[in-house]
Amino acid sequence: MDIKLELVAVPVTDVDRAKAFYEKLGFNADHDVAVSEDIRFVQLTPPGSACSIAIGKGLTRMTPGALDNMQVVVTDIGEAYEDLRGRGVEVTEIQDLPRG
């Protein structure tokens, strides 16, 4: 039996600002639906990923900023670094850490 992780809720304070940030990173906005005045669901997927994130209003009880250490994997860190810089994303220098 396969078990696939497909959606992770990311608590945010400002949905529109967070959506714009992830789109700037290259994530695709798959859905943006206001179900009611209290519920808004935004699904964003990184290019090439089978797992998406969900941001919005009324989706989780987690405090914004509570999700820590979300990681993405790229095939070429140098290329990813330059791509982000080209998109105007503020990035730190690449660090080679012992844990990978």
Protein backbone atom coordinates (compact mmCIF):
# COMPACT_ATOMS: atom_id res chain seq x y z
CA MET A 1 0.00 0.00 0.00
CA ASP A 2 1.33 3.43 -0.94
CA ILE A 3 0.87 6.38 1.38
CA LYS A 4 1.42 9.73 -0.28
CA LEU A 5 1.72 13.11 1.38
CA GLU A 6 -0.17 15.48 -0.91
CA LEU A 7 -1.16 18.58 1.08
CA VAL A 8 0.37 20.39 4.07
CA ALA A 9 -1.45 23.26 5.80
CA VAL A 10 0.77 26.29 6.39
CA PRO A 11 -0.67 28.79 8.88
CA VAL A 12 -0.25 32.41 7.74
CA THR A 13 -1.31 35.83 8.99
CA ASP A 14 -1.94 37.48 5.63
CA VAL A 15 -3.25 35.11 2.94
CA ASP A 16 -2.73 37.46 -0.01
CA ARG A 17 0.81 38.36 1.03
CA ALA A 18 1.70 34.69 1.58
CA LYS A 19 0.17 33.71 -1.77
CA ALA A 20 2.20 36.41 -3.54
CA PHE A 21 5.37 35.21 -1.78
CA TYR A 22 4.92 31.58 -2.84
CA GLU A 23 4.03 32.62 -6.39
CA LYS A 24 7.25 34.68 -6.46
CA LEU A 25 9.09 31.47 -5.51
CA GLY A 26 7.54 29.80 -8.57
CA PHE A 27 4.71 27.89 -6.88
CA ASN A 28 1.58 27.46 -9.00
CA ALA A 29 -1.69 28.70 -7.50
CA ASP A 30 -3.95 25.70 -8.13
CA HIS A 31 -7.00 26.90 -6.19
CA ASP A 32 -8.14 30.07 -4.46
CA VAL A 33 -11.68 29.65 -3.21
CA ALA A 34 -13.58 31.65 -0.61
CA VAL A 35 -16.01 29.08 0.74
CA SER A 36 -17.55 31.58 3.14
CA GLU A 37 -16.65 34.76 4.99
CA ASP A 38 -14.74 32.59 7.49
CA ILE A 39 -13.10 30.06 5.15
CA ARG A 40 -10.72 30.64 2.25
CA PHE A 41 -8.70 27.82 0.71
CA VAL A 42 -5.58 28.51 -1.37
CA GLN A 43 -3.57 25.56 -2.71
CA LEU A 44 -0.09 26.15 -4.12
CA THR A 45 2.24 23.57 -5.66
CA PRO A 46 5.97 23.87 -6.31
CA PRO A 47 6.97 23.01 -9.89
CA GLY A 48 7.48 19.26 -10.30
CA SER A 49 6.08 18.40 -6.86
CA ALA A 50 3.31 15.96 -6.04
CA CYS A 51 2.80 17.69 -2.66
CA SER A 52 1.11 21.06 -2.28
CA ILE A 53 0.68 23.54 0.54
CA ALA A 54 -2.62 25.01 1.69
CA ILE A 55 -2.84 28.51 3.07
CA GLY A 56 -5.96 30.42 3.87
CA LYS A 57 -8.44 31.38 6.50
CA GLY A 58 -10.22 28.91 8.75
CA LEU A 59 -8.09 25.93 7.67
CA THR A 60 -6.01 25.17 10.75
CA ARG A 61 -5.74 26.00 14.43
CA MET A 62 -1.96 26.31 14.20
CA THR A 63 -0.53 29.73 15.01
CA PRO A 64 0.97 31.55 12.02
CA GLY A 65 4.70 30.86 12.04
CA ALA A 66 4.26 27.62 14.01
CA LEU A 67 5.24 25.39 11.09
CA ASP A 68 9.01 25.20 11.20
CA ASN A 69 11.64 23.68 8.94
CA MET A 70 9.68 22.89 5.79
CA GLN A 71 12.18 21.65 3.21
CA VAL A 72 12.17 21.43 -0.55
CA VAL A 73 14.57 19.43 -2.71
CA VAL A 74 16.20 20.67 -5.92
CA THR A 75 18.53 18.90 -8.35
CA ASP A 76 20.94 21.84 -8.66
CA ILE A 77 21.28 24.23 -5.70
CA GLY A 78 23.28 26.77 -7.73
CA GLU A 79 20.61 26.91 -10.42
CA ALA A 80 17.85 27.20 -7.80
CA TYR A 81 19.76 29.98 -6.05
CA GLU A 82 20.16 31.99 -9.26
CA ASP A 83 16.52 31.38 -10.21
CA LEU A 84 15.31 32.76 -6.88
CA ARG A 85 17.62 35.77 -7.13
CA GLY A 86 16.32 36.38 -10.65
CA ARG A 87 12.79 36.43 -9.28
CA GLY A 88 13.80 39.12 -6.79
CA VAL A 89 13.72 36.80 -3.77
CA GLU A 90 16.11 37.78 -0.98
CA VAL A 91 18.28 34.70 -0.37
CA THR A 92 21.32 34.05 1.79
CA GLU A 93 24.50 32.55 0.42
CA ILE A 94 24.49 28.78 -0.10
CA GLN A 95 25.72 26.94 2.97
CA ASP A 96 27.23 23.43 2.92
CA LEU A 97 26.16 21.85 6.21
CA PRO A 98 27.41 18.49 7.53
CA ARG A 99 23.87 17.06 7.64
CA GLY A 100 23.33 17.84 3.95
